[in-house]
Amino acid sequence: MRRREFISLLGGAPWSLTAYAEQSDRTRKVGILMPLGENDLESPRRIGTFSQTLRQIGWIEGHTIAFEKRFAEGDPKRLPALAAELVHANCDVIVT
């Protein structure tokens, strides 16, 4: 790498670090798409385990992340429409 290219990269570093820091302050939206029903006994267990695992790495619901949940109520034909809802809700990531 040439010296000027290296200096150019260093010059851009503070801007990218600032942008990252600003981004990390916002709450992330996590879409959860479940094939089961909301009242199914397995749904809260799965979501709870997922939430607990995220909490262990510092992602806390209501502080650093927010969940958007959709339930297909056991009807796989509903999944595409529910997935589209999560996309339109501008989720940062969708977990199925």
C-alpha atoms as a PDB file:
ATOM      1  CA  MET A   1       0.000   0.000   0.000  1.00  0.00           C
ATOM      2  CA  ARG A   2       1.301   3.414  -0.860  1.00  0.00           C
ATOM      3  CA  ARG A   3       1.908   6.022   1.776  1.00  0.00           C
ATOM      4  CA  ARG A   4      -0.782   8.406   0.467  1.00  0.00           C
ATOM      5  CA  GLU A   5      -3.376   5.637   0.327  1.00  0.00           C
ATOM      6  CA  PHE A   6      -2.551   4.690   3.903  1.00  0.00           C
ATOM      7  CA  ILE A   7      -2.846   8.295   5.108  1.00  0.00           C
ATOM      8  CA  SER A   8      -6.189   8.619   3.251  1.00  0.00           C
ATOM      9  CA  LEU A   9      -7.507   5.582   5.062  1.00  0.00           C
ATOM     10  CA  LEU A  10      -6.437   6.980   8.421  1.00  0.00           C
ATOM     11  CA  GLY A  11      -8.040  10.307   7.630  1.00  0.00           C
ATOM     12  CA  GLY A  12     -11.421   8.625   7.063  1.00  0.00           C
ATOM     13  CA  ALA A  13     -11.241   6.507  10.212  1.00  0.00           C
ATOM     14  CA  PRO A  14     -12.590   9.085  12.704  1.00  0.00           C
ATOM     15  CA  TRP A  15     -15.658   9.667  10.540  1.00  0.00           C
ATOM     16  CA  SER A  16     -16.438   5.969  10.283  1.00  0.00           C
ATOM     17  CA  LEU A  17     -15.916   5.439  14.018  1.00  0.00           C
ATOM     18  CA  THR A  18     -18.207   8.369  14.799  1.00  0.00           C
ATOM     19  CA  ALA A  19     -20.888   6.992  12.479  1.00  0.00           C
ATOM     20  CA  TYR A  20     -20.617   3.583  14.138  1.00  0.00           C
ATOM     21  CA  ALA A  21     -20.878   5.083  17.627  1.00  0.00           C
ATOM     22  CA  GLU A  22     -23.962   7.072  16.642  1.00  0.00           C
ATOM     23  CA  GLN A  23     -25.552   3.986  15.130  1.00  0.00           C
ATOM     24  CA  SER A  24     -24.853   1.833  18.175  1.00  0.00           C
ATOM     25  CA  ASP A  25     -26.805   4.245  20.394  1.00  0.00           C
ATOM     26  CA  ARG A  26     -30.102   3.571  18.671  1.00  0.00           C
ATOM     27  CA  THR A  27     -32.491   0.780  19.544  1.00  0.00           C
ATOM     28  CA  ARG A  28     -32.355  -2.098  17.065  1.00  0.00           C
ATOM     29  CA  LYS A  29     -35.612  -3.613  15.889  1.00  0.00           C
ATOM     30  CA  VAL A  30     -35.664  -7.426  15.810  1.00  0.00           C
ATOM     31  CA  GLY A  31     -38.503  -9.075  13.918  1.00  0.00           C
ATOM     32  CA  ILE A  32     -39.556 -12.470  15.239  1.00  0.00           C
ATOM     33  CA  LEU A  33     -41.588 -14.683  12.921  1.00  0.00           C
ATOM     34  CA  MET A  34     -43.081 -17.692  14.667  1.00  0.00           C
ATOM     35  CA  PRO A  35     -44.963 -20.511  12.916  1.00  0.00           C
ATOM     36  CA  LEU A  36     -46.759 -21.282  16.183  1.00  0.00           C
ATOM     37  CA  GLY A  37     -49.531 -19.377  17.886  1.00  0.00           C
ATOM     38  CA  GLU A  38     -48.889 -16.600  20.363  1.00  0.00           C
ATOM     39  CA  ASN A  39     -50.630 -18.612  23.095  1.00  0.00           C
ATOM     40  CA  ASP A  40     -48.855 -21.858  22.212  1.00  0.00           C
ATOM     41  CA  LEU A  41     -46.784 -23.005  25.222  1.00  0.00           C
ATOM     42  CA  GLU A  42     -43.651 -23.301  23.065  1.00  0.00           C
ATOM     43  CA  SER A  43     -43.717 -19.685  21.764  1.00  0.00           C
ATOM     44  CA  PRO A  44     -42.886 -17.861  25.015  1.00  0.00           C
ATOM     45  CA  ARG A  45     -40.218 -20.440  25.836  1.00  0.00           C
ATOM     46  CA  ARG A  46     -38.456 -19.963  22.487  1.00  0.00           C
ATOM     47  CA  ILE A  47     -38.692 -16.184  22.568  1.00  0.00           C
ATOM     48  CA  GLY A  48     -37.575 -16.137  26.206  1.00  0.00           C
ATOM     49  CA  THR A  49     -34.522 -18.261  25.455  1.00  0.00           C
ATOM     50  CA  PHE A  50     -33.635 -16.018  22.511  1.00  0.00           C
ATOM     51  CA  SER A  51     -34.091 -12.883  24.623  1.00  0.00           C
ATOM     52  CA  GLN A  52     -32.012 -14.318  27.478  1.00  0.00           C
ATOM     53  CA  THR A  53     -29.184 -15.219  25.100  1.00  0.00           C
ATOM     54  CA  LEU A  54     -29.188 -11.688  23.661  1.00  0.00           C
ATOM     55  CA  ARG A  55     -29.194 -10.269  27.200  1.00  0.00           C
ATOM     56  CA  GLN A  56     -26.016 -12.230  27.982  1.00  0.00           C
ATOM     57  CA  ILE A  57     -24.193 -10.317  25.250  1.00  0.00           C
ATOM     58  CA  GLY A  58     -25.596  -6.944  26.259  1.00  0.00           C
ATOM     59  CA  TRP A  59     -28.696  -6.645  24.061  1.00  0.00           C
ATOM     60  CA  ILE A  60     -31.601  -5.878  26.402  1.00  0.00           C
ATOM     61  CA  GLU A  61     -35.221  -5.740  25.285  1.00  0.00           C
ATOM     62  CA  GLY A  62     -36.649  -2.293  25.846  1.00  0.00           C
ATOM     63  CA  HIS A  63     -33.198  -0.692  26.010  1.00  0.00           C
ATOM     64  CA  THR A  64     -30.973  -1.735  23.115  1.00  0.00           C
ATOM     65  CA  ILE A  65     -33.457  -3.836  21.141  1.00  0.00           C
ATOM     66  CA  ALA A  66     -37.180  -3.944  20.515  1.00  0.00           C
ATOM     67  CA  PHE A  67     -39.051  -7.016  19.319  1.00  0.00           C
ATOM     68  CA  GLU A  68     -41.693  -7.005  16.581  1.00  0.00           C
ATOM     69  CA  LYS A  69     -43.446 -10.375  16.883  1.00  0.00           C
ATOM     70  CA  ARG A  70     -45.677 -12.086  14.340  1.00  0.00           C
ATOM     71  CA  PHE A  71     -47.358 -15.465  14.844  1.00  0.00           C
ATOM     72  CA  ALA A  72     -48.693 -17.704  12.066  1.00  0.00           C
ATOM     73  CA  GLU A  73     -50.961 -19.571  14.504  1.00  0.00           C
ATOM     74  CA  GLY A  74     -49.905 -22.897  12.979  1.00  0.00           C
ATOM     75  CA  ASP A  75     -50.904 -21.860   9.431  1.00  0.00           C
ATOM     76  CA  PRO A  76     -47.812 -21.910   7.152  1.00  0.00           C
ATOM     77  CA  LYS A  77     -49.756 -20.050   4.435  1.00  0.00           C
ATOM     78  CA  ARG A  78     -49.690 -16.942   6.649  1.00  0.00           C
ATOM     79  CA  LEU A  79     -45.879 -16.840   6.886  1.00  0.00           C
ATOM     80  CA  PRO A  80     -45.186 -14.852   3.659  1.00  0.00           C
ATOM     81  CA  ALA A  81     -47.641 -12.096   4.589  1.00  0.00           C
ATOM     82  CA  LEU A  82     -46.300 -11.918   8.132  1.00  0.00           C
ATOM     83  CA  ALA A  83     -42.718 -11.778   6.843  1.00  0.00           C
ATOM     84  CA  ALA A  84     -43.743  -8.905   4.555  1.00  0.00           C
ATOM     85  CA  GLU A  85     -45.194  -7.069   7.571  1.00  0.00           C
ATOM     86  CA  LEU A  86     -41.859  -7.374   9.366  1.00  0.00           C
ATOM     87  CA  VAL A  87     -39.998  -6.084   6.315  1.00  0.00           C
ATOM     88  CA  HIS A  88     -42.329  -3.101   6.126  1.00  0.00           C
ATOM     89  CA  ALA A  89     -41.814  -2.493   9.860  1.00  0.00           C
ATOM     90  CA  ASN A  90     -38.146  -1.757   9.022  1.00  0.00           C
ATOM     91  CA  CYS A  91     -36.711  -4.466  11.228  1.00  0.00           C
ATOM     92  CA  ASP A  92     -32.918  -4.571  11.365  1.00  0.00           C
ATOM     93  CA  VAL A  93     -33.033  -8.357  11.373  1.00  0.00           C
ATOM     94  CA  ILE A  94     -35.761 -10.989  11.132  1.00  0.00           C
ATOM     95  CA  VAL A  95     -35.482 -14.214  13.095  1.00  0.00           C
ATOM     96  CA  THR A  96     -37.569 -17.220  12.144  1.00  0.00           C
END
